[in-house]
Amino acid sequence: MTTDAKILSALRENHDGVSGADLAEQMDISRAAVWARIEELRRLGYEIEAGPHFGYRLVHTPDVLHADDLLGRLGRPKVIGRDIRVFEQTTSTNDVIEKLARDGVREGVVVFAESQTRGRGRLGRKWISPGRKGLWFSVLLRPDMRPQETTQLTVASATALLRAIEAVTGLQLEIKWPNDILIRGKKVAGILTELSAELDKVRHIILGIGVDVNLGPGEFPPELRKLATSLRIEAGRMISRAELATAILRELDRDYVRVCAGGFPALADEWEARCKTIGREVTIQIGERRIRGRAESLDDDGALRLRTEHGHLERIIGGDVTLEK
């Protein structure tokens, strides 16, 4: 953890203030160095009071994603979030993670972008990523699993995302297979999993996540206004992106460790209980093929079991899903 992350963590733990001498001792730096770091944090928008009776006190946190702040809030994750990087703008955070993966960076690194110029969702669709309005980020994972098992990570990510958003906002959400998080039938978040693998072994997985946090109604393109929403619209208030990001990373880390330890069946049960696709008649478009049937359950690897209109049970690992009314 960096010095700035430790300072912010100490300030949050001591709401009534912490002295410069105590910070210097905790950080193993001089009081002058503490003052210099406080001044840099102020320059970034953190409102930090100073007084002879209370030392330093955090009064206000800006609505920015700051890597040291996120690290300080997160504490000591087992895997996801032990390395966090924030870009003001990039093409796509998945592109950045792909380069890091090729460079041999260890798993768990998270890349956020305040905005993306070429954000993408599943099936090559464009993801609208306006500056400082949402959470647009990607995670590098290197699990010891077979390629056909990696659908488990999409399922686990969906349950983690839903759990974190509900905890921070108080909203009720649901999952649409395979990767959408919905509120009242409108999409508020999505997951894009990209895989690099050999025949029987995963090289790395890029988990891309987009959450529409503080977009207003007029900030969605006209063609999306009936299909998409934001947490701000649904909650009727602004949501702290840093608080939400921390909650999501904490839940992702927890569930990733659970999956790697063989705990996927319990997560699958949680997913099925919150998924609006299970038990419904659906149409799934897979390339040029269209399949109709009833979504029955997940299998052990996280794929969808679909009972087709002809009575056959098919295993579906991806596709564009339409829920029949």
Protein backbone atom coordinates (compact mmCIF):
# COMPACT_ATOMS: atom_id res chain seq x y z
CA MET A 1 0.00 0.00 0.00
CA THR A 2 1.36 3.45 -0.93
CA THR A 3 1.95 6.28 1.53
CA ASP A 4 -1.07 8.23 0.21
CA ALA A 5 -3.27 5.14 0.55
CA LYS A 6 -2.11 4.68 4.16
CA ILE A 7 -2.75 8.36 4.96
CA LEU A 8 -6.27 8.26 3.51
CA SER A 9 -6.98 5.01 5.34
CA ALA A 10 -5.80 6.54 8.64
CA LEU A 11 -7.91 9.65 8.08
CA ARG A 12 -11.01 7.55 7.44
CA GLU A 13 -10.39 5.43 10.53
CA ASN A 14 -10.02 8.55 12.72
CA HIS A 15 -13.06 10.73 12.00
CA ASP A 16 -12.15 13.23 14.74
CA GLY A 17 -8.66 13.70 13.36
CA VAL A 18 -5.16 12.25 13.63
CA SER A 19 -2.00 14.17 14.47
CA GLY A 20 0.84 14.72 12.06
CA ALA A 21 3.17 13.06 14.54
CA ASP A 22 1.01 9.91 14.63
CA LEU A 23 0.79 9.82 10.84
CA ALA A 24 4.56 10.26 10.56
CA GLU A 25 5.12 7.37 12.97
CA GLN A 26 2.63 5.11 11.20
CA MET A 27 4.07 5.90 7.75
CA ASP A 28 7.70 5.90 8.96
CA ILE A 29 8.31 9.28 7.32
CA SER A 30 8.96 12.81 8.60
CA ARG A 31 6.19 15.22 9.60
CA ALA A 32 7.32 17.43 6.71
CA ALA A 33 6.78 14.51 4.33
CA VAL A 34 3.31 13.97 5.80
CA TRP A 35 2.50 17.64 5.19
CA ALA A 36 3.75 17.36 1.58
CA ARG A 37 1.50 14.32 0.93
CA ILE A 38 -1.48 16.09 2.54
CA GLU A 39 -0.91 19.07 0.24
CA GLU A 40 -0.82 16.76 -2.80
CA LEU A 41 -4.09 15.13 -1.73
CA ARG A 42 -5.63 18.58 -1.33
CA ARG A 43 -4.48 19.42 -4.84
CA LEU A 44 -6.37 16.34 -6.07
CA GLY A 45 -9.57 17.62 -4.46
CA TYR A 46 -9.54 16.00 -1.00
CA GLU A 47 -10.68 18.53 1.60
CA ILE A 48 -8.47 17.95 4.64
CA GLU A 49 -8.68 20.26 7.66
CA ALA A 50 -5.70 20.92 9.89
CA GLY A 51 -5.80 22.22 13.45
CA PRO A 52 -3.64 22.23 16.57
CA HIS A 53 -6.19 20.26 18.62
CA PHE A 54 -7.11 17.48 16.18
CA GLY A 55 -4.25 17.33 13.66
CA TYR A 56 -5.59 16.39 10.23
CA ARG A 57 -9.21 15.54 9.47
CA LEU A 58 -10.82 14.38 6.19
CA VAL A 59 -13.85 16.55 5.49
CA HIS A 60 -14.76 15.82 1.88
CA THR A 61 -13.77 13.32 -0.79
CA PRO A 62 -13.99 14.38 -4.47
CA ASP A 63 -15.96 12.36 -7.01
CA VAL A 64 -12.88 11.01 -8.70
CA LEU A 65 -11.35 7.57 -8.93
CA HIS A 66 -7.92 7.78 -7.31
CA ALA A 67 -5.87 4.58 -7.12
CA ASP A 68 -4.39 5.35 -3.70
CA ASP A 69 -7.83 6.16 -2.31
CA LEU A 70 -9.28 2.89 -3.63
CA LEU A 71 -6.33 0.92 -2.26
CA GLY A 72 -6.73 2.58 1.12
CA ARG A 73 -10.47 1.82 1.22
CA LEU A 74 -10.01 -1.77 0.09
CA GLY A 75 -7.43 -2.85 2.64
CA ARG A 76 -5.70 -6.13 1.87
CA PRO A 77 -7.54 -8.17 -0.78
CA LYS A 78 -6.40 -11.72 -1.45
CA VAL A 79 -6.21 -11.28 -5.25
CA ILE A 80 -8.47 -8.74 -6.95
CA GLY A 81 -7.48 -5.15 -6.21
CA ARG A 82 -3.99 -5.62 -4.83
CA ASP A 83 -2.82 -3.48 -7.76
CA ILE A 84 -5.13 -0.68 -8.99
CA ARG A 85 -4.44 1.71 -11.87
CA VAL A 86 -6.65 4.60 -12.98
CA PHE A 87 -6.58 6.30 -16.39
CA GLU A 88 -8.32 9.56 -17.16
CA GLN A 89 -9.16 8.18 -20.61
CA THR A 90 -8.38 5.09 -22.63
CA THR A 91 -9.83 3.21 -25.60
CA SER A 92 -11.04 0.30 -23.49
CA THR A 93 -9.85 -0.97 -20.12
CA ASN A 94 -9.90 -4.49 -21.60
CA ASP A 95 -7.29 -3.31 -24.12
CA VAL A 96 -5.04 -2.06 -21.32
CA ILE A 97 -5.38 -5.30 -19.36
CA GLU A 98 -4.61 -7.34 -22.49
CA LYS A 99 -1.28 -5.53 -22.81
CA LEU A 100 -0.52 -6.03 -19.11
CA ALA A 101 -1.34 -9.74 -19.48
CA ARG A 102 1.09 -10.09 -22.38
CA ASP A 103 3.73 -8.30 -20.29
CA GLY A 104 3.38 -10.95 -17.58
CA VAL A 105 1.72 -8.83 -14.88
CA ARG A 106 0.37 -11.05 -12.10
CA GLU A 107 -3.36 -11.59 -11.67
CA GLY A 108 -5.49 -9.26 -9.62
CA VAL A 109 -4.53 -5.98 -11.27
CA VAL A 110 -7.55 -3.71 -11.85
CA VAL A 111 -7.63 -0.92 -14.46
CA PHE A 112 -10.24 1.85 -14.21
CA ALA A 113 -10.88 4.57 -16.79
CA GLU A 114 -12.78 7.75 -16.07
CA SER A 115 -13.92 7.54 -19.70
CA GLN A 116 -13.46 5.20 -22.67
CA THR A 117 -13.38 6.17 -26.31
CA ARG A 118 -14.09 2.64 -27.58
CA GLY A 119 -15.74 0.85 -24.68
CA ARG A 120 -17.33 -2.40 -25.77
CA GLY A 121 -19.85 -4.91 -24.56
CA ARG A 122 -20.67 -8.42 -25.69
CA LEU A 123 -21.03 -9.28 -29.38
CA GLY A 124 -18.98 -6.23 -30.37
CA ARG A 125 -21.58 -3.73 -29.17
CA LYS A 126 -20.43 -0.25 -28.18
CA TRP A 127 -20.61 0.65 -24.47
CA ILE A 128 -21.28 4.33 -23.77
CA SER A 129 -18.67 5.46 -21.20
CA PRO A 130 -19.00 9.20 -20.43
CA GLY A 131 -16.43 10.82 -18.16
CA ARG A 132 -16.89 10.41 -14.40
CA LYS A 133 -20.42 9.07 -14.76
CA GLY A 134 -19.86 5.37 -14.20
CA LEU A 135 -17.46 2.61 -13.32
CA TRP A 136 -15.62 1.30 -16.36
CA PHE A 137 -12.95 -1.22 -15.35
CA SER A 138 -11.27 -4.53 -16.11
CA VAL A 139 -9.56 -7.21 -14.03
CA LEU A 140 -6.76 -9.59 -15.00
CA LEU A 141 -7.21 -13.17 -13.78
CA ARG A 142 -5.05 -16.26 -14.23
CA PRO A 143 -7.15 -19.09 -12.76
CA ASP A 144 -6.04 -22.71 -12.77
CA MET A 145 -9.02 -24.03 -14.72
CA ARG A 146 -10.03 -25.49 -18.06
CA PRO A 147 -11.44 -23.11 -20.72
CA GLN A 148 -14.90 -24.69 -20.51
CA GLU A 149 -15.05 -23.89 -16.79
CA THR A 150 -14.52 -20.15 -17.20
CA THR A 151 -18.25 -19.45 -17.50
CA GLN A 152 -18.17 -19.93 -13.74
CA LEU A 153 -16.35 -16.60 -13.45
CA THR A 154 -19.07 -14.73 -15.36
CA VAL A 155 -21.68 -16.22 -13.03
CA ALA A 156 -19.61 -15.41 -9.93
CA SER A 157 -18.99 -11.86 -11.18
CA ALA A 158 -22.71 -11.28 -11.71
CA THR A 159 -23.58 -12.35 -8.15
CA ALA A 160 -20.75 -10.23 -6.72
CA LEU A 161 -21.81 -7.20 -8.75
CA LEU A 162 -25.45 -7.52 -7.76
CA ARG A 163 -24.58 -7.99 -4.07
CA ALA A 164 -22.30 -4.94 -3.96
CA ILE A 165 -24.68 -2.59 -5.81
CA GLU A 166 -27.61 -3.57 -3.60
CA ALA A 167 -25.54 -3.02 -0.44
CA VAL A 168 -24.47 0.49 -1.47
CA THR A 169 -27.70 1.72 -3.07
CA GLY A 170 -30.51 -0.22 -1.39
CA LEU A 171 -31.97 -0.99 -4.83
CA GLN A 172 -33.35 -4.39 -5.84
CA LEU A 173 -31.64 -5.89 -8.88
CA GLU A 174 -31.86 -9.05 -10.94
CA ILE A 175 -29.64 -10.96 -13.35
CA LYS A 176 -30.34 -11.70 -16.99
CA TRP A 177 -28.25 -14.56 -18.37
CA PRO A 178 -25.41 -14.45 -19.18
CA ASN A 179 -24.02 -11.10 -18.11
CA ASP A 180 -26.58 -8.31 -17.56
CA ILE A 181 -27.64 -6.68 -14.28
CA LEU A 182 -31.14 -5.18 -14.48
CA ILE A 183 -33.35 -2.85 -12.47
CA ARG A 184 -37.07 -3.02 -13.33
CA GLY A 185 -36.15 -4.72 -16.59
CA LYS A 186 -33.60 -2.10 -17.67
CA LYS A 187 -29.89 -2.77 -17.93
CA VAL A 188 -27.68 -0.95 -15.43
CA ALA A 189 -24.47 -3.01 -15.62
CA GLY A 190 -22.81 -5.59 -17.81
CA ILE A 191 -19.91 -8.03 -17.82
CA LEU A 192 -17.61 -8.87 -20.73
CA THR A 193 -15.32 -11.87 -20.25
CA GLU A 194 -12.47 -12.30 -22.74
CA LEU A 195 -10.38 -15.46 -22.71
CA SER A 196 -6.87 -16.41 -23.80
CA ALA A 197 -6.35 -20.17 -23.56
CA GLU A 198 -4.66 -23.27 -24.87
CA LEU A 199 -6.63 -26.43 -25.58
CA ASP A 200 -6.88 -27.52 -21.94
CA LYS A 201 -5.52 -24.58 -19.91
CA VAL A 202 -6.39 -20.93 -19.42
CA ARG A 203 -3.59 -18.44 -20.02
CA HIS A 204 -5.52 -15.47 -18.70
CA ILE A 205 -9.01 -14.02 -18.44
CA ILE A 206 -9.99 -10.38 -18.76
CA LEU A 207 -13.08 -9.52 -16.77
CA GLY A 208 -14.54 -6.25 -18.07
CA ILE A 209 -17.30 -4.54 -16.10
CA GLY A 210 -19.36 -1.44 -16.85
CA VAL A 211 -21.79 0.14 -14.38
CA ASP A 212 -23.99 3.12 -15.26
CA VAL A 213 -23.72 5.01 -11.97
CA ASN A 214 -24.54 8.73 -12.22
CA LEU A 215 -25.82 9.20 -15.77
CA GLY A 216 -28.92 11.36 -16.11
CA PRO A 217 -31.87 10.39 -18.38
CA GLY A 218 -30.70 12.66 -21.19
CA GLU A 219 -27.20 11.21 -21.25
CA PHE A 220 -28.26 7.92 -22.80
CA PRO A 221 -28.57 7.79 -26.60
CA PRO A 222 -32.23 7.85 -27.70
CA GLU A 223 -32.11 4.22 -28.83
CA LEU A 224 -31.07 3.09 -25.31
CA ARG A 225 -33.43 5.12 -23.13
CA LYS A 226 -36.07 2.38 -23.00
CA LEU A 227 -33.46 -0.33 -22.44
CA ALA A 228 -30.91 1.17 -20.03
CA THR A 229 -30.92 3.09 -16.76
CA SER A 230 -28.50 4.28 -14.09
CA LEU A 231 -28.22 3.90 -10.34
CA ARG A 232 -28.71 7.65 -9.95
CA ILE A 233 -31.99 7.55 -11.90
CA GLU A 234 -33.31 4.58 -9.94
CA ALA A 235 -32.13 5.70 -6.49
CA GLY A 236 -33.02 9.36 -6.98
CA ARG A 237 -29.62 10.50 -5.69
CA MET A 238 -25.96 10.63 -6.64
CA ILE A 239 -23.96 7.52 -5.79
CA SER A 240 -20.35 7.62 -4.54
CA ARG A 241 -18.40 5.91 -7.28
CA ALA A 242 -15.39 5.27 -5.05
CA GLU A 243 -17.56 3.65 -2.39
CA LEU A 244 -19.29 1.49 -4.98
CA ALA A 245 -16.02 0.54 -6.68
CA THR A 246 -14.60 -0.59 -3.35
CA ALA A 247 -17.68 -2.67 -2.56
CA ILE A 248 -17.60 -4.33 -5.99
CA LEU A 249 -13.89 -5.17 -5.81
CA ARG A 250 -14.32 -6.62 -2.33
CA GLU A 251 -17.17 -8.90 -3.46
CA LEU A 252 -15.35 -9.89 -6.66
CA ASP A 253 -12.26 -10.84 -4.67
CA ARG A 254 -14.32 -12.87 -2.23
CA ASP A 255 -16.18 -14.78 -4.94
CA TYR A 256 -13.10 -15.36 -7.09
CA VAL A 257 -11.37 -17.00 -4.15
CA ARG A 258 -14.50 -19.10 -3.55
CA VAL A 259 -14.62 -20.30 -7.18
CA CYS A 260 -10.91 -21.18 -7.18
CA ALA A 261 -11.44 -23.17 -3.98
CA GLY A 262 -14.26 -25.23 -5.52
CA GLY A 263 -17.15 -23.22 -4.10
CA PHE A 264 -18.97 -22.57 -7.37
CA PRO A 265 -22.09 -24.68 -6.60
CA ALA A 266 -23.14 -22.34 -3.77
CA LEU A 267 -22.63 -19.30 -6.00
CA ALA A 268 -24.64 -20.98 -8.76
CA ASP A 269 -27.54 -21.44 -6.33
CA GLU A 270 -27.38 -17.74 -5.41
CA TRP A 271 -27.23 -16.80 -9.11
CA GLU A 272 -30.26 -18.96 -10.01
CA ALA A 273 -32.28 -17.44 -7.17
CA ARG A 274 -31.69 -13.94 -8.59
CA CYS A 275 -31.80 -14.70 -12.31
CA LYS A 276 -34.92 -13.68 -14.21
CA THR A 277 -33.94 -15.96 -17.13
CA ILE A 278 -34.35 -19.27 -15.27
CA GLY A 279 -37.81 -20.76 -15.74
CA ARG A 280 -38.63 -18.43 -18.64
CA GLU A 281 -39.27 -19.10 -22.30
CA VAL A 282 -36.39 -17.55 -24.22
CA THR A 283 -34.97 -17.12 -27.70
CA ILE A 284 -31.18 -17.30 -27.96
CA GLN A 285 -29.34 -16.06 -31.05
CA ILE A 286 -25.96 -17.76 -31.53
CA GLY A 287 -24.42 -16.43 -34.72
CA GLU A 288 -26.81 -17.40 -37.50
CA ARG A 289 -28.57 -19.98 -35.32
CA ARG A 290 -31.71 -19.19 -33.32
CA ILE A 291 -32.85 -21.50 -30.52
CA ARG A 292 -36.15 -21.31 -28.65
CA GLY A 293 -36.92 -23.06 -25.40
CA ARG A 294 -37.18 -22.91 -21.63
CA ALA A 295 -34.15 -21.95 -19.52
CA GLU A 296 -34.00 -24.64 -16.84
CA SER A 297 -30.79 -24.23 -14.80
CA LEU A 298 -27.01 -23.88 -14.82
CA ASP A 299 -24.73 -26.87 -15.21
CA ASP A 300 -21.61 -27.51 -13.12
CA ASP A 301 -19.47 -25.27 -15.36
CA GLY A 302 -21.92 -22.34 -15.35
CA ALA A 303 -23.43 -22.93 -18.80
CA LEU A 304 -27.19 -22.60 -19.31
CA ARG A 305 -29.33 -25.73 -19.66
CA LEU A 306 -32.01 -25.00 -22.24
CA ARG A 307 -34.96 -27.32 -22.93
CA THR A 308 -35.65 -26.61 -26.59
CA GLU A 309 -39.08 -26.39 -28.16
CA HIS A 310 -38.38 -29.87 -29.56
CA GLY A 311 -37.76 -31.31 -26.07
CA HIS A 312 -33.97 -31.62 -26.30
CA LEU A 313 -31.74 -30.41 -23.46
CA GLU A 314 -28.95 -28.20 -24.81
CA ARG A 315 -25.93 -26.69 -23.08
CA ILE A 316 -25.54 -23.00 -23.99
CA ILE A 317 -22.36 -21.10 -23.13
CA GLY A 318 -23.18 -17.79 -24.85
CA GLY A 319 -25.55 -15.94 -27.10
CA ASP A 320 -27.94 -13.01 -27.33
CA VAL A 321 -30.98 -13.72 -25.14
CA THR A 322 -34.52 -12.42 -25.59
CA LEU A 323 -37.05 -13.16 -22.85
CA GLU A 324 -40.41 -14.17 -24.26
CA LYS A 325 -43.48 -12.52 -22.74
